[in-house]
Protein backbone atom coordinates (compact mmCIF):
# COMPACT_ATOMS: atom_id res chain seq x y z
CA MET A 1 25.77 -45.93 -43.33
CA ALA A 2 27.24 -43.55 -40.72
CA ALA A 3 25.55 -42.47 -37.53
CA SER A 4 22.97 -39.73 -38.05
CA GLU A 5 22.31 -36.86 -35.68
CA GLN A 6 19.18 -34.81 -35.20
CA LEU A 7 17.89 -32.18 -32.79
CA GLU A 8 15.18 -33.48 -30.48
CA VAL A 9 12.71 -30.96 -29.03
CA GLU A 10 10.18 -32.56 -26.71
CA LEU A 11 7.90 -32.14 -23.71
CA LYS A 12 7.58 -34.81 -21.05
CA PHE A 13 4.86 -35.27 -18.41
CA ASP A 14 4.11 -37.72 -15.64
CA VAL A 15 0.53 -39.00 -15.83
CA ASP A 16 -1.70 -41.56 -14.17
CA ALA A 17 -1.73 -44.89 -16.01
CA GLY A 18 -4.72 -45.16 -18.32
CA HIS A 19 -5.48 -41.44 -18.15
CA THR A 20 -7.25 -40.30 -21.32
CA ALA A 21 -5.19 -38.00 -23.51
CA PRO A 22 -6.72 -34.84 -25.04
CA ASP A 23 -7.50 -34.42 -28.75
CA LEU A 24 -4.37 -32.67 -30.04
CA ARG A 25 -5.81 -31.93 -33.48
CA VAL A 26 -6.92 -28.57 -32.02
CA LEU A 27 -3.31 -27.40 -31.71
CA PRO A 28 -2.11 -24.55 -33.98
CA GLY A 29 -0.69 -25.79 -37.28
CA VAL A 30 -2.32 -29.23 -36.89
CA ILE A 31 -5.10 -30.29 -39.27
CA GLY A 32 -5.16 -34.04 -38.76
CA ALA A 33 -3.59 -37.10 -37.11
CA THR A 34 -2.72 -40.68 -37.94
CA GLU A 35 -4.35 -43.65 -36.28
CA PRO A 36 -2.52 -44.56 -33.05
CA GLU A 37 0.12 -47.30 -33.32
CA THR A 38 1.39 -49.35 -30.40
CA PHE A 39 4.97 -50.62 -30.08
CA ASN A 40 6.87 -52.65 -27.52
CA LEU A 41 10.28 -51.09 -26.91
CA ASP A 42 13.08 -52.75 -24.92
CA ALA A 43 16.14 -50.66 -24.05
CA THR A 44 19.37 -51.32 -22.21
CA TYR A 45 21.17 -48.22 -20.94
CA PHE A 46 24.96 -48.07 -20.63
CA ASP A 47 27.22 -45.96 -18.43
CA THR A 48 30.46 -46.15 -16.46
CA GLU A 49 30.72 -47.33 -12.88
CA ASN A 50 30.93 -43.65 -11.88
CA LEU A 51 27.82 -42.79 -13.95
CA ASP A 52 29.82 -40.21 -15.89
CA LEU A 53 27.17 -39.97 -18.61
CA ALA A 54 24.13 -39.72 -16.35
CA GLY A 55 25.92 -37.09 -14.27
CA ASN A 56 26.20 -34.97 -17.40
CA ARG A 57 22.55 -35.60 -18.43
CA ILE A 58 23.63 -37.93 -21.25
CA THR A 59 21.98 -41.25 -22.10
CA LEU A 60 23.39 -44.09 -24.17
CA ARG A 61 21.07 -46.98 -25.00
CA ARG A 62 20.53 -50.01 -27.20
CA ARG A 63 16.84 -50.33 -28.06
CA THR A 64 14.75 -52.82 -30.02
CA GLY A 65 11.25 -52.23 -31.33
CA GLY A 66 9.66 -49.24 -33.02
CA HIS A 67 10.75 -47.40 -36.15
CA ASP A 68 14.20 -46.38 -34.84
CA ALA A 69 15.60 -49.57 -33.36
CA GLY A 70 19.35 -49.38 -32.78
CA TRP A 71 21.83 -47.42 -30.69
CA HIS A 72 20.97 -43.92 -29.45
CA LEU A 73 23.16 -41.29 -27.77
CA LYS A 74 21.30 -38.28 -26.37
CA ARG A 75 23.08 -35.16 -25.16
CA PRO A 76 21.85 -31.75 -23.90
CA ALA A 77 21.64 -29.11 -26.64
CA GLY A 78 21.29 -25.97 -24.55
CA ALA A 79 17.61 -25.03 -24.36
CA PRO A 80 15.38 -26.92 -21.88
CA GLY A 81 13.73 -29.94 -23.48
CA THR A 82 16.19 -29.90 -26.37
CA ARG A 83 18.71 -32.66 -26.98
CA ARG A 84 20.98 -33.86 -29.75
CA GLU A 85 20.29 -37.47 -30.64
CA LEU A 86 22.89 -39.54 -32.46
CA GLN A 87 21.49 -42.77 -33.92
CA LEU A 88 23.11 -45.86 -35.40
CA GLY A 89 21.12 -48.79 -36.78
CA PHE A 90 21.95 -52.38 -35.90
CA ASP A 91 23.17 -53.03 -39.45
CA GLU A 92 26.05 -50.59 -38.90
CA ALA A 93 26.75 -51.53 -35.26
CA PRO A 94 29.15 -54.25 -34.05
CA ALA A 95 27.62 -57.71 -34.29
CA ASP A 96 28.88 -58.64 -30.82
CA GLY A 97 26.64 -56.06 -29.14
CA GLU A 98 29.51 -53.85 -27.98
CA VAL A 99 28.89 -50.12 -27.82
CA PRO A 100 29.69 -48.64 -31.27
CA THR A 101 32.78 -46.45 -31.53
CA GLU A 102 30.71 -43.80 -33.32
CA LEU A 103 28.74 -43.28 -30.11
CA ILE A 104 31.68 -43.52 -27.73
CA SER A 105 33.78 -40.88 -29.49
CA PRO A 106 31.49 -37.91 -28.68
CA VAL A 107 31.62 -38.73 -24.95
CA VAL A 108 35.06 -40.28 -24.53
CA ALA A 109 36.32 -37.13 -22.79
CA LEU A 110 33.86 -38.03 -20.02
CA THR A 111 34.14 -41.83 -19.99
CA ARG A 112 37.91 -41.94 -20.75
CA THR A 113 39.33 -45.40 -20.03
CA ARG A 114 36.37 -46.47 -17.91
CA ARG A 115 34.31 -49.38 -19.21
CA LEU A 116 30.70 -48.91 -20.34
CA THR A 117 28.36 -51.51 -18.84
CA PRO A 118 24.56 -51.92 -18.58
CA VAL A 119 23.07 -49.83 -15.76
CA ALA A 120 19.33 -50.14 -16.45
CA ALA A 121 16.80 -52.14 -18.46
CA VAL A 122 13.66 -50.30 -19.53
CA SER A 123 10.63 -51.74 -21.32
CA THR A 124 8.00 -49.41 -22.75
CA THR A 125 4.59 -50.02 -24.26
CA ARG A 126 4.27 -46.95 -26.46
CA THR A 127 1.17 -45.75 -28.29
CA VAL A 128 2.10 -43.16 -30.89
CA THR A 129 -0.09 -40.65 -32.68
CA THR A 130 1.51 -38.54 -35.42
CA LEU A 131 0.07 -35.03 -35.89
CA LEU A 132 -0.10 -33.70 -39.44
CA GLY A 133 0.21 -30.19 -40.80
CA ALA A 134 -1.58 -28.42 -43.63
CA ASP A 135 0.54 -30.15 -46.30
CA GLY A 136 -0.04 -33.57 -44.78
CA GLN A 137 3.51 -33.73 -43.42
CA PRO A 138 4.23 -34.79 -39.80
CA VAL A 139 4.65 -31.81 -37.46
CA ALA A 140 4.70 -33.59 -34.08
CA GLU A 141 4.49 -36.96 -32.41
CA PHE A 142 2.53 -37.71 -29.24
CA ALA A 143 3.48 -40.83 -27.27
CA GLU A 144 1.58 -42.43 -24.39
CA ASP A 145 4.05 -44.62 -22.52
CA LEU A 146 3.62 -47.37 -19.95
CA VAL A 147 7.09 -47.98 -18.54
CA THR A 148 8.69 -50.72 -16.48
CA ALA A 149 12.30 -50.23 -15.42
CA GLN A 150 14.89 -52.24 -13.55
CA SER A 151 18.02 -50.59 -12.23
CA LEU A 152 21.06 -52.83 -12.76
CA LEU A 153 23.16 -50.95 -10.22
CA PRO A 154 23.97 -52.53 -6.84
CA GLY A 155 20.81 -52.35 -4.74
CA GLY A 156 18.80 -51.24 -7.78
CA HIS A 157 15.02 -51.58 -7.74
CA PHE A 158 12.06 -52.15 -10.07
CA GLN A 159 9.60 -49.37 -11.02
CA GLU A 160 6.48 -48.84 -13.12
CA TRP A 161 5.01 -45.54 -14.27
CA ALA A 162 3.15 -43.79 -17.09
CA GLU A 163 4.17 -40.68 -19.01
CA TRP A 164 3.33 -38.57 -22.05
CA GLU A 165 5.89 -37.31 -24.54
CA PHE A 166 5.26 -34.64 -27.18
CA GLU A 167 8.04 -34.22 -29.76
CA LEU A 168 8.29 -31.73 -32.60
CA LEU A 169 8.95 -33.12 -36.08
CA GLY A 170 10.09 -31.30 -39.21
CA ASN A 171 12.08 -28.09 -39.52
CA ASP A 172 9.34 -25.46 -39.57
CA PRO A 173 6.72 -26.04 -36.85
CA HIS A 174 4.00 -23.52 -36.07
CA PRO A 175 5.56 -20.91 -33.72
CA ARG A 176 2.92 -21.55 -31.00
CA LEU A 177 2.71 -25.33 -31.38
CA LEU A 178 5.05 -26.33 -28.55
CA LYS A 179 3.82 -23.74 -26.06
CA THR A 180 0.15 -24.51 -26.73
CA ALA A 181 0.80 -28.25 -26.52
CA GLU A 182 2.35 -27.79 -23.08
CA LYS A 183 -0.69 -25.84 -21.79
CA THR A 184 -3.10 -28.35 -23.31
CA LEU A 185 -1.36 -31.41 -21.88
CA ARG A 186 -0.98 -29.87 -18.42
CA ALA A 187 -4.67 -28.94 -18.40
CA ALA A 188 -5.52 -32.53 -19.37
CA GLY A 189 -3.70 -34.01 -16.36
CA GLY A 190 -0.03 -33.99 -17.30
CA ARG A 191 2.30 -33.24 -14.38
CA GLU A 192 5.88 -32.02 -14.06
CA PRO A 193 8.11 -35.04 -14.79
CA SER A 194 9.89 -36.44 -11.76
CA SER A 195 13.01 -37.07 -13.89
CA ALA A 196 14.48 -35.70 -17.10
CA SER A 197 14.69 -39.13 -18.72
CA LYS A 198 13.58 -42.72 -18.24
CA LEU A 199 17.13 -43.62 -17.23
CA ALA A 200 17.27 -40.94 -14.55
CA ARG A 201 14.05 -42.27 -13.05
CA ALA A 202 15.22 -45.86 -13.28
CA ILE A 203 18.54 -45.39 -11.48
CA GLY A 204 17.59 -42.51 -9.16
CA SER A 205 19.64 -39.45 -8.29
CA THR A 206 23.18 -39.06 -9.61
CA PRO A 207 25.93 -36.51 -8.81
CA THR A 208 25.02 -34.11 -11.64
CA VAL A 209 27.72 -31.72 -12.85
CA VAL A 210 26.93 -28.19 -11.64
CA GLU A 211 28.13 -25.04 -13.37
CA PRO A 212 30.74 -23.34 -11.16
CA HIS A 213 29.92 -20.03 -9.48
CA LEU A 214 31.27 -17.82 -6.71
CA GLY A 215 29.84 -16.39 -3.53
CA LYS A 216 29.90 -12.70 -2.58
CA ARG A 217 33.36 -12.58 -0.96
CA PRO A 218 35.40 -15.38 -2.51
CA THR A 219 38.91 -16.32 -1.57
CA ALA A 220 41.70 -16.64 -4.11
CA LEU A 221 41.41 -20.43 -3.92
CA GLU A 222 37.67 -20.32 -4.65
CA LEU A 223 38.28 -18.06 -7.66
CA VAL A 224 41.07 -20.24 -9.02
CA VAL A 225 39.08 -23.46 -8.65
CA THR A 226 36.05 -21.82 -10.32
CA ASP A 227 38.21 -20.72 -13.25
CA ILE A 228 39.74 -24.17 -13.59
CA ALA A 229 36.26 -25.73 -13.62
CA ILE A 230 35.04 -23.27 -16.28
CA HIS A 231 37.97 -23.98 -18.59
CA ARG A 232 37.83 -27.72 -17.90
CA ASN A 233 34.20 -27.68 -19.04
CA SER A 234 35.18 -25.76 -22.17
CA LEU A 235 37.90 -28.31 -22.96
CA ILE A 236 35.44 -31.20 -22.52
CA THR A 237 32.89 -29.42 -24.73
CA GLN A 238 35.38 -28.92 -27.55
CA ASP A 239 36.79 -32.47 -27.41
CA PRO A 240 34.12 -34.17 -29.59
CA LEU A 241 34.14 -31.22 -32.01
CA VAL A 242 37.90 -31.53 -32.53
CA ARG A 243 37.45 -35.24 -33.21
CA THR A 244 35.12 -34.37 -36.12
CA ASP A 245 37.33 -31.46 -37.30
CA ALA A 246 34.52 -28.96 -36.70
CA ASP A 247 35.18 -25.35 -37.62
CA ASP A 248 37.22 -23.43 -35.00
CA ALA A 249 37.13 -26.36 -32.53
CA VAL A 250 40.93 -26.85 -32.47
CA HIS A 251 41.36 -23.16 -31.73
CA GLN A 252 38.82 -23.17 -28.89
CA MET A 253 40.27 -26.32 -27.29
CA ARG A 254 43.76 -24.85 -27.51
CA VAL A 255 42.47 -21.66 -25.85
CA ALA A 256 40.95 -23.76 -23.04
CA CYS A 257 44.36 -25.40 -22.48
CA ARG A 258 46.14 -22.05 -22.44
CA ARG A 259 43.64 -20.52 -20.05
CA LEU A 260 44.02 -23.45 -17.70
CA ARG A 261 47.79 -22.98 -17.81
CA SER A 262 47.39 -19.24 -17.24
CA VAL A 263 45.46 -19.91 -14.03
CA PHE A 264 48.38 -21.97 -12.70
CA SER A 265 51.06 -19.51 -13.84
CA GLY A 266 49.09 -16.35 -12.99
CA PHE A 267 48.26 -17.46 -9.44
CA PRO A 268 51.25 -19.68 -8.55
CA THR A 269 50.93 -19.32 -4.76
CA VAL A 270 47.18 -20.00 -4.52
CA LEU A 271 47.57 -23.72 -5.18
CA ASP A 272 50.33 -26.00 -3.93
CA ALA A 273 52.85 -25.71 -6.79
CA GLU A 274 54.50 -29.05 -6.00
CA ARG A 275 51.21 -30.81 -6.70
CA THR A 276 50.15 -28.76 -9.72
CA ASP A 277 53.33 -28.03 -11.71
CA HIS A 278 53.01 -31.25 -13.71
CA LEU A 279 49.53 -30.19 -14.88
CA GLY A 280 50.96 -27.04 -16.41
CA GLY A 281 53.52 -29.13 -18.28
CA GLU A 282 50.92 -31.57 -19.59
CA LEU A 283 48.65 -28.72 -20.69
CA LYS A 284 51.58 -27.05 -22.44
CA LEU A 285 52.27 -30.24 -24.40
CA LEU A 286 48.61 -30.66 -25.36
CA ALA A 287 48.39 -27.01 -26.41
CA ARG A 288 51.50 -27.44 -28.58
CA ILE A 289 50.03 -30.48 -30.35
CA LEU A 290 46.77 -28.64 -30.92
CA GLY A 291 48.82 -25.59 -31.92
CA ASP A 292 50.38 -27.42 -34.85
CA ALA A 293 46.89 -28.15 -36.19
CA ARG A 294 45.68 -24.64 -35.43
CA ASP A 295 48.69 -22.96 -37.06
CA SER A 296 48.23 -24.91 -40.28
CA GLU A 297 44.49 -24.17 -40.16
CA VAL A 298 45.19 -20.45 -39.80
CA GLN A 299 47.74 -20.54 -42.60
CA LEU A 300 45.23 -22.17 -44.93
CA ALA A 301 42.80 -19.36 -44.17
CA LEU A 302 45.54 -16.79 -44.69
CA ASP A 303 46.48 -18.36 -48.01
CA GLU A 304 42.86 -18.13 -49.14
CA ASN A 305 42.77 -14.49 -48.06
CA LEU A 306 46.03 -13.71 -49.86
CA LEU A 307 44.56 -14.91 -53.14
CA ARG A 308 41.33 -12.95 -52.64
CA ALA A 309 40.48 -10.89 -55.74
CA GLU A 310 43.67 -12.10 -57.47
CA ASN A 311 43.74 -13.88 -60.83
CA ALA A 312 46.04 -16.62 -59.56
CA SER A 313 47.09 -19.59 -61.68
CA GLU A 314 46.73 -23.19 -60.53
CA SER A 315 50.50 -23.31 -60.08
CA LEU A 316 50.46 -20.37 -57.67
CA ILE A 317 47.48 -21.78 -55.74
CA ALA A 318 49.28 -25.10 -55.41
CA GLU A 319 52.45 -23.40 -54.16
CA LEU A 320 50.55 -21.47 -51.51
CA ALA A 321 47.97 -24.00 -50.34
CA GLY A 322 48.99 -27.46 -51.51
CA THR A 323 51.78 -28.15 -49.04
CA GLU A 324 49.88 -26.53 -46.15
CA THR A 325 46.87 -28.79 -46.71
CA ALA A 326 49.03 -31.89 -46.28
CA ILE A 327 50.64 -30.39 -43.18
CA HIS A 328 47.22 -29.69 -41.69
CA GLU A 329 46.00 -33.23 -42.29
CA ARG A 330 49.06 -34.66 -40.53
CA ALA A 331 48.63 -32.23 -37.62
CA ILE A 332 44.97 -33.17 -37.17
CA LYS A 333 45.86 -36.88 -37.11
CA ALA A 334 48.51 -36.18 -34.47
CA ALA A 335 45.99 -34.25 -32.36
CA HIS A 336 43.46 -37.09 -32.60
CA ALA A 337 46.12 -39.63 -31.59
CA ALA A 338 47.09 -37.53 -28.57
CA MET A 339 43.43 -37.24 -27.55
CA ASP A 340 43.05 -41.04 -27.67
CA SER A 341 46.04 -41.63 -25.40
CA ASP A 342 46.02 -42.73 -21.77
CA ARG A 343 48.17 -39.67 -21.04
CA TYR A 344 45.40 -37.33 -22.17
CA PHE A 345 42.77 -39.14 -20.12
CA ALA A 346 45.08 -39.09 -17.09
CA LEU A 347 45.38 -35.30 -17.50
CA LEU A 348 41.59 -34.95 -17.49
CA ASP A 349 41.36 -37.17 -14.40
CA ALA A 350 43.98 -35.05 -12.64
CA ILE A 351 42.11 -31.82 -13.42
CA ASP A 352 38.87 -33.31 -12.10
CA GLU A 353 40.66 -34.45 -8.95
CA LEU A 354 42.12 -30.97 -8.44
CA ILE A 355 38.66 -29.37 -8.74
CA ALA A 356 37.17 -31.86 -6.29
CA SER A 357 40.02 -31.56 -3.79
CA PRO A 358 42.24 -28.51 -4.51
CA PRO A 359 45.63 -28.47 -2.76
CA PRO A 360 45.88 -25.02 -1.11
CA GLY A 361 48.98 -22.88 -1.40
CA PRO A 362 50.21 -20.14 0.95
CA ASP A 363 47.87 -17.51 -0.56
CA ALA A 364 44.77 -19.70 -0.78
CA ASP A 365 42.84 -17.62 1.79
CA LEU A 366 43.77 -14.28 0.22
CA ASP A 367 40.86 -12.15 -0.95
CA ALA A 368 40.20 -12.97 -4.62
CA THR A 369 40.27 -9.31 -5.68
CA ILE A 370 43.67 -8.77 -4.08
CA ALA A 371 45.03 -11.88 -5.82
CA VAL A 372 43.77 -10.64 -9.21
CA ASP A 373 45.18 -7.14 -8.67
CA ARG A 374 48.59 -8.66 -7.93
CA ALA A 375 48.47 -10.91 -11.00
CA ILE A 376 47.51 -8.00 -13.28
CA ALA A 377 50.20 -5.75 -11.83
CA LYS A 378 52.79 -8.47 -12.36
CA SER A 379 51.73 -8.98 -15.98
CA ARG A 380 51.75 -5.24 -16.69
CA LYS A 381 55.24 -4.93 -15.23
CA LYS A 382 56.52 -7.67 -17.53
CA ILE A 383 54.96 -6.01 -20.58
CA ARG A 384 56.56 -2.65 -19.74
CA LYS A 385 59.91 -4.38 -19.34
CA GLU A 386 59.60 -5.97 -22.79
CA GLN A 387 58.52 -2.63 -24.27
CA SER A 388 61.65 -1.05 -22.83
CA VAL A 389 63.74 -3.70 -24.59
CA LEU A 390 61.81 -3.00 -27.82
CA SER A 391 62.68 0.69 -27.69
CA SER A 392 66.39 -0.15 -27.75
CA LEU A 393 66.11 -2.19 -30.97
CA THR A 394 66.21 -0.99 -34.57
CA GLU A 395 62.68 -0.73 -35.91
CA GLY A 396 62.04 -3.24 -38.66
CA SER A 397 64.92 -5.51 -37.69
CA GLU A 398 64.47 -9.22 -37.07
CA GLU A 399 65.15 -8.73 -33.35
CA TRP A 400 62.57 -5.93 -33.21
CA ALA A 401 59.92 -8.14 -34.85
CA GLU A 402 60.67 -11.02 -32.48
CA GLN A 403 60.40 -8.66 -29.51
CA LEU A 404 56.95 -7.59 -30.71
CA HIS A 405 55.98 -11.25 -30.71
CA THR A 406 57.21 -11.53 -27.10
CA ILE A 407 55.09 -8.51 -26.14
CA ARG A 408 52.10 -10.13 -27.81
CA LYS A 409 52.55 -13.25 -25.66
CA ARG A 410 52.81 -11.09 -22.54
CA ALA A 411 49.61 -9.24 -23.53
CA LYS A 412 47.85 -12.56 -23.99
CA ARG A 413 48.86 -13.61 -20.48
CA LEU A 414 47.58 -10.30 -19.12
CA ARG A 415 44.30 -10.87 -20.92
CA TYR A 416 44.02 -14.36 -19.48
CA SER A 417 44.69 -12.99 -15.98
CA THR A 418 41.83 -10.54 -16.38
CA ASP A 419 39.65 -13.26 -17.87
CA ALA A 420 40.27 -15.24 -14.69
CA ALA A 421 38.62 -12.38 -12.82
CA GLU A 422 35.48 -12.49 -14.94
CA PRO A 423 33.44 -14.31 -12.24
CA LEU A 424 34.10 -11.31 -9.96
CA ASP A 425 32.22 -9.05 -12.41
CA LYS A 426 34.47 -6.01 -11.94
CA LYS A 427 34.36 -3.21 -14.53
CA ARG A 428 38.03 -2.29 -14.11
CA TYR A 429 39.13 -5.81 -14.99
CA ARG A 430 37.05 -5.82 -18.16
CA LYS A 431 38.70 -2.55 -19.19
CA VAL A 432 42.19 -4.02 -18.79
CA ALA A 433 41.09 -7.13 -20.72
CA THR A 434 39.86 -4.96 -23.60
CA ILE A 435 43.18 -3.12 -23.84
CA ALA A 436 45.18 -6.34 -23.65
CA LYS A 437 43.05 -7.84 -26.41
CA ARG A 438 43.67 -4.80 -28.64
CA VAL A 439 47.43 -5.16 -28.15
CA GLN A 440 47.30 -8.91 -28.75
CA SER A 441 45.13 -8.59 -31.87
CA ALA A 442 47.23 -5.82 -33.41
CA LEU A 443 50.49 -7.67 -32.89
CA GLY A 444 48.88 -10.89 -34.12
CA ASP A 445 47.92 -9.13 -37.34
CA TYR A 446 51.45 -7.82 -37.67
CA ASN A 447 52.92 -11.28 -37.13
CA ASP A 448 50.58 -12.73 -39.77
CA SER A 449 51.67 -10.13 -42.31
CA ARG A 450 55.31 -10.83 -41.49
CA ILE A 451 54.89 -14.60 -41.96
CA ASN A 452 52.98 -14.07 -45.19
CA ARG A 453 55.63 -11.78 -46.63
CA ALA A 454 58.31 -14.36 -45.79
CA ARG A 455 56.29 -17.07 -47.57
CA VAL A 456 55.74 -14.85 -50.58
CA ALA A 457 59.47 -14.12 -50.78
CA GLU A 458 60.29 -17.84 -50.51
CA ILE A 459 57.88 -18.75 -53.32
CA ALA A 460 59.09 -15.89 -55.49
CA GLY A 461 62.67 -17.04 -55.04
CA SER A 462 61.90 -20.63 -56.06
CA GLY A 463 62.00 -19.79 -59.78
CA LYS A 464 58.98 -22.04 -60.46
CA LEU A 465 56.41 -19.38 -61.35
CA SER A 466 55.62 -17.43 -64.49
CA GLY A 467 55.98 -13.69 -64.87
CA SER A 468 52.25 -13.11 -64.37
CA ASP A 469 52.33 -15.09 -61.14
CA MET A 470 55.32 -13.09 -59.96
CA PHE A 471 53.31 -9.94 -60.65
CA VAL A 472 50.48 -11.32 -58.47
CA LEU A 473 52.96 -12.10 -55.72
CA GLY A 474 54.22 -8.53 -55.86
CA ARG A 475 50.71 -7.20 -55.31
CA ILE A 476 50.18 -9.60 -52.44
CA ASP A 477 53.45 -8.52 -50.83
CA ALA A 478 52.50 -4.84 -51.11
CA ARG A 479 49.13 -5.54 -49.53
CA GLN A 480 50.74 -7.45 -46.66
CA GLN A 481 53.24 -4.65 -46.09
CA ALA A 482 50.40 -2.15 -45.78
CA ASP A 483 48.51 -4.50 -43.43
CA GLY A 484 51.60 -4.79 -41.23
CA GLU A 485 52.04 -1.01 -41.03
CA ARG A 486 48.40 -0.56 -40.02
CA ALA A 487 48.80 -3.24 -37.37
CA ILE A 488 51.83 -1.47 -35.85
CA ASP A 489 49.90 1.81 -35.73
CA ALA A 490 47.03 0.00 -33.95
CA TYR A 491 49.49 -1.53 -31.47
CA ARG A 492 51.04 1.83 -30.61
CA LYS A 493 47.64 3.37 -29.93
CA ALA A 494 46.60 0.46 -27.72
CA ALA A 495 49.94 0.33 -25.90
CA LYS A 496 49.44 3.89 -24.63
CA ASP A 497 46.49 2.66 -22.55
CA LEU A 498 48.45 -0.13 -20.89
């Protein structure tokens, strides 16, 4: 049985030991409750020496006792009090007590090559009351906990405390249940929790990751480091999603890599190039590996779109999609292998080190707005130069089409330069970004139609298909030709605003 994941929505309160809990059967949507049950729970929490998990508000534990004994990984899920909990029973976990791979994989972008070791031991005497809804199904669980905890870190100490936990159960709770429960439990003596989790209280304060932000008059260096931190966080967020082949994850991780590279290339004199050039090369390689998976993913979607509303035979479907599916599977395996390599983890370490201690370049103290204006002007100049080359080429020729692709790449870099200015919250930068996106999207659509027409021509020339399939291919080709013409018209309109 594989690890199972669920969304955990709960309230937590500090309380005096032995304090009487209120009768929660008065809550909206609750019509009854089970008799209280008491369990003895013993948990060992794991983390790296650097407390990489705790610093990101993540807990990894091995717990005995209760109905859900086993391994638990809890991660923030966005809203306050909401976490994603991944569980694995002891029957599916390694017999030697090592942390299961299924629970390491979602956080390996944080732990990397660092060893996971016990950092705290927590024992809880838990008294649980399950609240029931109108249909007799559980709607919430109320736990009264008496906790003893021992930090296993150097100089760690022993603690005892009491707390209440109120957790929603089921998929359709009463809309006022959680809010009313919070008011009721606070009125009954519940206090703001001193820590977000038992682990946090056991081990004390940790260097929690803070979302990057800028002051009122930032320097170029401050802007660049903020952008790098934003895109680093995006890359880390997408890592576990790519490992499970989640929808659009490869694309978003590839974008994070490209945006990181664009910060280095768009602001080359803000950081010390001698100390950062290798990062650009490593990000380029990672983006290329992810790009192979993304390109095959896009082509599969394009193939599906090509056959939309067409009465295609199995032979034609196989010709269009069969080979691409195998290519995609190989590309995903290659991406996963790269993401499990020491080289990838070293890249992440280097990015973290750069954020913590950025090496300043000659323009580090330049006003951030001036640095962005220069980067945008430089990108626009390059686009105009490529457009001048385009005007000298024969429309519709192979060279003309390739030049459009070059302009698309330049527009993407311009867009990334303006995206880098997003923390400055300037209207004029957003306007430039919108125009660049229109150019990029239009030329992307044209390139897709061009690739599709080439594939259609290749399949048609294979001699493997029937006359009816050839007729379908003809319709597809005509549709792609029309799509390409519309894309060029859209590009020309957008290009006027550049």
